[in-house]
Amino acid sequence: MDDVSGRVSEIAAIMEQIARAAAPMQEDMGEVSAVAEQSSASSEQVSASTEQTSASAQEIAASAQGLARTAQELEQLVGRFTLA
């Protein structure tokens, strides 16, 4: 019986060592998780910025086309006038 009790004590000591060794790993995993969350948030911000930039570029292209049409119309109207 003493032998069994001694083995249980040994196993308990080993489990304590494992728990102590795992504690820093758990802290590291928490840090890794926090960095991953920050990275994800940053990625979402970049994605949103990219979408906004794309939308702005489309609006600018549409405006440029409108201005080109207006310039052509003005050119035609001015072409009707003659200098005396």
Foldseek 3Di string as FASTA:
>chain_A
DVVVVVVVVVVVVVVVVVVVVCVVVVVVVVVVVVVVVVVVVVVVVVVVVVVVVVVVVVVVVVVVVVVVVVVVVVVVVVVPDDDD
